[in-house]
């Protein structure tokens, strides 16, 4: 069984930064994609950023140039550095892990990010 645990959310003023972390435990297959998604109240869950086990990254247009995704394969962790935060970044942020070959997908419980003055 795979478990994902996020941390690092909170309340921050516009223009400030936050760093989210996600730790995966269990049987982690080496070829995978880890990522961050977010869901604001009344909206659908949307992609924020993903990173493959080989290090290839993908970002939503709304966060390009402000957010950076990274990972530590040895520790099965993924991070999201969020700079220049805006009120529209307010959402619950979810960690995601997908095993490429089997297409198994796992989600964390979510961590709340609120950007407000």
N, C-alpha and C. Protein backbone atom coordinates (compact mmCIF):
# COMPACT_ATOMS: atom_id res chain seq x y z
N UNK A 1 0.84 -1.18 0.00
CA UNK A 1 0.00 0.00 0.00
C UNK A 1 0.89 1.24 0.00
N UNK A 2 0.53 2.20 -0.82
CA UNK A 2 1.29 3.45 -0.91
C UNK A 2 0.56 4.54 -0.16
N UNK A 3 1.29 5.30 0.61
CA UNK A 3 0.72 6.45 1.30
C UNK A 3 1.51 7.71 0.96
N UNK A 4 0.79 8.80 0.80
CA UNK A 4 1.40 10.10 0.52
C UNK A 4 0.99 11.06 1.63
N UNK A 5 1.96 11.75 2.19
CA UNK A 5 1.68 12.68 3.27
C UNK A 5 2.27 14.04 2.90
N UNK A 6 1.37 15.04 2.80
CA UNK A 6 1.82 16.39 2.47
C UNK A 6 2.05 17.22 3.72
N UNK A 7 2.87 18.24 3.58
CA UNK A 7 3.09 19.19 4.66
C UNK A 7 3.53 20.52 4.06
N UNK A 8 3.44 21.57 4.87
CA UNK A 8 3.96 22.86 4.44
C UNK A 8 2.94 23.91 4.08
N UNK A 9 1.67 23.56 4.08
CA UNK A 9 0.65 24.55 3.77
C UNK A 9 0.49 25.57 4.88
N UNK A 10 -0.33 26.60 4.62
CA UNK A 10 -0.58 27.59 5.64
C UNK A 10 -1.14 28.86 5.06
N UNK A 11 -1.17 29.88 5.89
CA UNK A 11 -1.66 31.20 5.51
C UNK A 11 -0.46 32.10 5.22
N UNK A 12 -0.49 32.76 4.07
CA UNK A 12 0.63 33.60 3.68
C UNK A 12 0.10 34.83 2.97
N UNK A 13 0.83 35.93 3.06
CA UNK A 13 0.42 37.16 2.39
C UNK A 13 0.77 37.12 0.91
N UNK A 14 0.05 37.84 0.10
CA UNK A 14 0.39 37.90 -1.33
C UNK A 14 1.84 38.35 -1.53
N UNK A 15 2.49 37.72 -2.49
CA UNK A 15 3.88 38.03 -2.79
C UNK A 15 4.90 37.22 -2.01
N UNK A 16 4.43 36.52 -0.98
CA UNK A 16 5.35 35.72 -0.18
C UNK A 16 5.49 34.31 -0.75
N UNK A 17 6.27 33.48 -0.05
CA UNK A 17 6.58 32.13 -0.54
C UNK A 17 6.16 31.06 0.46
N UNK A 18 5.94 29.87 -0.08
CA UNK A 18 5.71 28.67 0.73
C UNK A 18 6.36 27.50 0.02
N UNK A 19 6.72 26.50 0.80
CA UNK A 19 7.29 25.27 0.22
C UNK A 19 6.49 24.09 0.72
N UNK A 20 5.91 23.36 -0.19
CA UNK A 20 5.17 22.14 0.14
C UNK A 20 6.07 20.93 -0.02
N UNK A 21 5.84 19.96 0.85
CA UNK A 21 6.58 18.71 0.77
C UNK A 21 5.59 17.55 0.76
N UNK A 22 5.98 16.47 0.13
CA UNK A 22 5.17 15.26 0.10
C UNK A 22 6.11 14.06 0.21
N UNK A 23 5.82 13.20 1.16
CA UNK A 23 6.62 11.99 1.35
C UNK A 23 5.79 10.77 1.01
N UNK A 24 6.33 9.92 0.16
CA UNK A 24 5.65 8.69 -0.22
C UNK A 24 6.26 7.52 0.53
N UNK A 25 5.42 6.62 1.00
CA UNK A 25 5.90 5.44 1.70
C UNK A 25 5.19 4.22 1.14
N UNK A 26 5.79 3.05 1.39
CA UNK A 26 5.25 1.81 0.85
C UNK A 26 6.13 1.30 -0.28
N UNK A 27 5.53 0.50 -1.14
CA UNK A 27 6.27 -0.06 -2.27
C UNK A 27 6.20 0.93 -3.43
N UNK A 28 7.31 1.61 -3.67
CA UNK A 28 7.36 2.66 -4.69
C UNK A 28 8.12 2.15 -5.90
N UNK A 29 7.41 1.99 -7.00
CA UNK A 29 8.07 1.56 -8.23
C UNK A 29 8.90 2.72 -8.79
N UNK A 30 10.03 2.39 -9.35
CA UNK A 30 11.01 3.43 -9.67
C UNK A 30 10.59 4.34 -10.82
N UNK A 31 9.83 3.82 -11.78
CA UNK A 31 9.44 4.64 -12.93
C UNK A 31 8.06 5.23 -12.62
N UNK A 32 8.07 6.50 -12.28
CA UNK A 32 6.80 7.10 -11.86
C UNK A 32 6.79 8.59 -12.14
N UNK A 33 5.65 9.17 -11.93
CA UNK A 33 5.47 10.60 -12.02
C UNK A 33 4.88 11.07 -10.70
N UNK A 34 5.47 12.08 -10.13
CA UNK A 34 4.91 12.70 -8.93
C UNK A 34 4.48 14.12 -9.29
N UNK A 35 3.47 14.57 -8.61
CA UNK A 35 2.98 15.89 -8.97
C UNK A 35 2.13 16.53 -7.89
N UNK A 36 1.77 17.76 -8.18
CA UNK A 36 0.89 18.53 -7.31
C UNK A 36 -0.32 19.00 -8.10
N UNK A 37 -1.47 18.85 -7.49
CA UNK A 37 -2.72 19.35 -8.04
C UNK A 37 -3.35 20.23 -6.96
N UNK A 38 -4.29 21.06 -7.38
CA UNK A 38 -4.97 21.90 -6.39
C UNK A 38 -6.45 22.01 -6.73
N UNK A 39 -7.21 22.27 -5.68
CA UNK A 39 -8.65 22.41 -5.84
C UNK A 39 -9.14 23.55 -4.96
N UNK A 40 -9.68 24.55 -5.60
CA UNK A 40 -10.28 25.67 -4.88
C UNK A 40 -11.76 25.39 -4.66
N UNK A 41 -12.37 26.01 -3.67
CA UNK A 41 -13.79 25.77 -3.40
C UNK A 41 -14.65 26.05 -4.64
N UNK A 42 -15.51 25.09 -4.97
CA UNK A 42 -16.40 25.26 -6.10
C UNK A 42 -15.77 25.03 -7.45
N UNK A 43 -14.51 24.62 -7.47
CA UNK A 43 -13.81 24.40 -8.73
C UNK A 43 -13.31 22.98 -8.83
N UNK A 44 -13.00 22.57 -10.06
CA UNK A 44 -12.45 21.24 -10.26
C UNK A 44 -10.97 21.19 -9.87
N UNK A 45 -10.51 20.01 -9.53
CA UNK A 45 -9.09 19.83 -9.24
C UNK A 45 -8.30 20.06 -10.53
N UNK A 46 -7.19 20.78 -10.42
CA UNK A 46 -6.39 21.09 -11.59
C UNK A 46 -4.93 20.79 -11.36
N UNK A 47 -4.25 20.52 -12.45
CA UNK A 47 -2.82 20.27 -12.41
C UNK A 47 -2.07 21.53 -12.04
N UNK A 48 -1.08 21.38 -11.17
CA UNK A 48 -0.16 22.48 -10.87
C UNK A 48 1.19 22.19 -11.53
N UNK A 49 1.77 21.05 -11.19
CA UNK A 49 3.07 20.68 -11.76
C UNK A 49 3.31 19.20 -11.56
N UNK A 50 4.07 18.62 -12.48
CA UNK A 50 4.47 17.22 -12.35
C UNK A 50 5.96 17.09 -12.64
N UNK A 51 6.53 16.00 -12.13
CA UNK A 51 7.94 15.71 -12.39
C UNK A 51 8.09 14.20 -12.49
N UNK A 52 8.76 13.75 -13.54
CA UNK A 52 8.97 12.32 -13.70
C UNK A 52 10.17 11.86 -12.86
N UNK A 53 10.31 10.56 -12.74
CA UNK A 53 11.45 10.02 -12.00
C UNK A 53 12.76 10.35 -12.70
N UNK A 54 12.69 10.68 -13.99
CA UNK A 54 13.89 11.09 -14.74
C UNK A 54 14.15 12.59 -14.63
N UNK A 55 13.21 13.33 -14.03
CA UNK A 55 13.42 14.75 -13.80
C UNK A 55 12.74 15.69 -14.76
N UNK A 56 11.96 15.17 -15.69
CA UNK A 56 11.23 16.05 -16.61
C UNK A 56 10.06 16.70 -15.89
N UNK A 57 9.89 17.98 -16.14
CA UNK A 57 8.85 18.73 -15.43
C UNK A 57 7.80 19.29 -16.38
N UNK A 58 6.63 19.55 -15.80
CA UNK A 58 5.53 20.15 -16.54
C UNK A 58 4.78 21.06 -15.58
N UNK A 59 4.40 22.25 -16.07
CA UNK A 59 3.73 23.22 -15.20
C UNK A 59 2.46 23.74 -15.85
N UNK A 60 1.50 24.07 -15.02
CA UNK A 60 0.35 24.81 -15.50
C UNK A 60 0.81 26.22 -15.88
N UNK A 61 0.19 26.79 -16.90
CA UNK A 61 0.58 28.13 -17.34
C UNK A 61 0.47 29.16 -16.22
N UNK A 62 -0.50 28.96 -15.35
CA UNK A 62 -0.77 29.94 -14.30
C UNK A 62 0.34 30.02 -13.24
N UNK A 63 1.20 29.00 -13.20
CA UNK A 63 2.25 28.99 -12.16
C UNK A 63 3.66 29.05 -12.74
N UNK A 64 3.77 29.00 -14.06
CA UNK A 64 5.10 29.03 -14.69
C UNK A 64 5.85 30.30 -14.29
N UNK A 65 7.11 30.11 -13.93
CA UNK A 65 7.93 31.24 -13.51
C UNK A 65 7.80 31.59 -12.04
N UNK A 66 6.81 31.01 -11.38
CA UNK A 66 6.62 31.30 -9.94
C UNK A 66 6.81 30.06 -9.08
N UNK A 67 6.40 28.91 -9.58
CA UNK A 67 6.49 27.67 -8.83
C UNK A 67 7.58 26.78 -9.42
N UNK A 68 8.24 26.02 -8.55
CA UNK A 68 9.25 25.07 -8.99
C UNK A 68 9.01 23.73 -8.30
N UNK A 69 8.90 22.68 -9.10
CA UNK A 69 8.74 21.34 -8.55
C UNK A 69 10.09 20.64 -8.58
N UNK A 70 10.35 19.85 -7.54
CA UNK A 70 11.59 19.08 -7.48
C UNK A 70 11.32 17.79 -6.71
N UNK A 71 12.27 16.88 -6.76
CA UNK A 71 12.06 15.62 -6.05
C UNK A 71 13.38 15.04 -5.58
N UNK A 72 13.27 14.18 -4.59
CA UNK A 72 14.40 13.42 -4.07
C UNK A 72 14.04 11.95 -4.24
N UNK A 73 14.57 11.33 -5.27
CA UNK A 73 14.19 9.95 -5.57
C UNK A 73 14.62 8.99 -4.47
N UNK A 74 15.74 9.26 -3.85
CA UNK A 74 16.24 8.36 -2.80
C UNK A 74 15.29 8.32 -1.60
N UNK A 75 14.61 9.45 -1.36
CA UNK A 75 13.71 9.53 -0.20
C UNK A 75 12.24 9.49 -0.61
N UNK A 76 11.97 9.33 -1.90
CA UNK A 76 10.59 9.30 -2.39
C UNK A 76 9.81 10.53 -1.94
N UNK A 77 10.42 11.68 -2.15
CA UNK A 77 9.79 12.93 -1.77
C UNK A 77 9.68 13.86 -2.98
N UNK A 78 8.64 14.67 -2.96
CA UNK A 78 8.47 15.69 -3.98
C UNK A 78 8.17 17.01 -3.27
N UNK A 79 8.64 18.10 -3.88
CA UNK A 79 8.52 19.41 -3.26
C UNK A 79 7.91 20.39 -4.26
N UNK A 80 7.28 21.42 -3.72
CA UNK A 80 6.77 22.49 -4.57
C UNK A 80 7.14 23.81 -3.91
N UNK A 81 8.08 24.50 -4.53
CA UNK A 81 8.46 25.83 -4.06
C UNK A 81 7.55 26.84 -4.75
N UNK A 82 6.80 27.58 -3.95
CA UNK A 82 5.83 28.53 -4.49
C UNK A 82 6.26 29.94 -4.11
N UNK A 83 6.62 30.72 -5.11
CA UNK A 83 7.03 32.10 -4.90
C UNK A 83 5.99 33.05 -5.49
N UNK A 84 6.07 34.29 -5.07
CA UNK A 84 5.17 35.33 -5.59
C UNK A 84 3.71 34.87 -5.55
N UNK A 85 3.31 34.37 -4.42
CA UNK A 85 1.96 33.81 -4.30
C UNK A 85 0.90 34.87 -4.48
N UNK A 86 -0.21 34.46 -5.09
CA UNK A 86 -1.33 35.34 -5.38
C UNK A 86 -2.58 34.80 -4.67
N UNK A 87 -3.56 35.65 -4.41
CA UNK A 87 -4.80 35.15 -3.79
C UNK A 87 -5.44 34.02 -4.59
N UNK A 88 -5.29 34.05 -5.90
CA UNK A 88 -5.90 32.99 -6.73
C UNK A 88 -5.17 31.66 -6.60
N UNK A 89 -4.05 31.63 -5.90
CA UNK A 89 -3.38 30.36 -5.62
C UNK A 89 -3.99 29.65 -4.41
N UNK A 90 -4.92 30.31 -3.75
CA UNK A 90 -5.58 29.71 -2.59
C UNK A 90 -6.34 28.46 -3.00
N UNK A 91 -6.02 27.35 -2.34
CA UNK A 91 -6.64 26.06 -2.67
C UNK A 91 -6.11 25.00 -1.73
N UNK A 92 -6.74 23.84 -1.78
CA UNK A 92 -6.17 22.66 -1.16
C UNK A 92 -5.22 22.03 -2.19
N UNK A 93 -4.01 21.76 -1.78
CA UNK A 93 -3.00 21.21 -2.67
C UNK A 93 -2.81 19.72 -2.36
N UNK A 94 -2.86 18.92 -3.41
CA UNK A 94 -2.79 17.47 -3.27
C UNK A 94 -1.57 16.92 -3.98
N UNK A 95 -0.89 16.02 -3.31
CA UNK A 95 0.24 15.30 -3.88
C UNK A 95 -0.29 14.08 -4.64
N UNK A 96 0.33 13.77 -5.76
CA UNK A 96 -0.10 12.66 -6.59
C UNK A 96 1.10 11.83 -7.03
N UNK A 97 0.90 10.53 -7.08
CA UNK A 97 1.95 9.61 -7.54
C UNK A 97 1.32 8.63 -8.51
N UNK A 98 1.92 8.49 -9.68
CA UNK A 98 1.43 7.55 -10.69
C UNK A 98 2.57 6.64 -11.11
N UNK A 99 2.30 5.34 -11.06
CA UNK A 99 3.26 4.38 -11.59
C UNK A 99 3.01 4.24 -13.09
N UNK A 100 4.05 4.50 -13.90
CA UNK A 100 3.86 4.62 -15.33
C UNK A 100 3.36 3.32 -15.96
N UNK A 101 3.96 2.20 -15.62
CA UNK A 101 3.63 0.94 -16.30
C UNK A 101 2.26 0.41 -15.92
N UNK A 102 1.90 0.47 -14.66
CA UNK A 102 0.62 -0.08 -14.21
C UNK A 102 -0.50 0.95 -14.19
N UNK A 103 -0.14 2.23 -14.27
CA UNK A 103 -1.08 3.35 -14.21
C UNK A 103 -1.78 3.46 -12.85
N UNK A 104 -1.25 2.79 -11.85
CA UNK A 104 -1.81 2.97 -10.51
C UNK A 104 -1.56 4.42 -10.08
N UNK A 105 -2.56 5.01 -9.42
CA UNK A 105 -2.46 6.40 -8.99
C UNK A 105 -2.83 6.51 -7.52
N UNK A 106 -2.09 7.36 -6.83
CA UNK A 106 -2.32 7.57 -5.40
C UNK A 106 -2.37 9.06 -5.10
N UNK A 107 -3.15 9.39 -4.07
CA UNK A 107 -3.32 10.79 -3.68
C UNK A 107 -3.04 10.97 -2.18
N UNK A 108 -2.50 12.13 -1.86
CA UNK A 108 -2.39 12.50 -0.47
C UNK A 108 -3.69 13.08 0.04
N UNK A 109 -3.70 13.44 1.31
CA UNK A 109 -4.93 13.94 1.92
C UNK A 109 -5.15 15.42 1.67
N UNK A 110 -4.12 16.11 1.18
CA UNK A 110 -4.24 17.52 0.88
C UNK A 110 -3.72 18.41 1.99
N UNK A 111 -3.20 19.57 1.58
CA UNK A 111 -2.77 20.58 2.53
C UNK A 111 -3.28 21.94 2.03
N UNK A 112 -3.81 22.73 2.94
CA UNK A 112 -4.45 23.98 2.56
C UNK A 112 -3.42 25.09 2.43
N UNK A 113 -3.53 25.83 1.34
CA UNK A 113 -2.73 27.03 1.12
C UNK A 113 -3.70 28.19 0.97
N UNK A 114 -3.55 29.19 1.82
CA UNK A 114 -4.40 30.38 1.76
C UNK A 114 -3.52 31.60 1.59
N UNK A 115 -3.78 32.36 0.53
CA UNK A 115 -3.01 33.57 0.25
C UNK A 115 -3.93 34.76 0.45
N UNK A 116 -3.65 35.51 1.49
CA UNK A 116 -4.53 36.62 1.84
C UNK A 116 -3.78 37.65 2.68
N UNK A 117 -4.16 38.90 2.49
CA UNK A 117 -3.55 39.96 3.31
C UNK A 117 -4.37 40.20 4.57
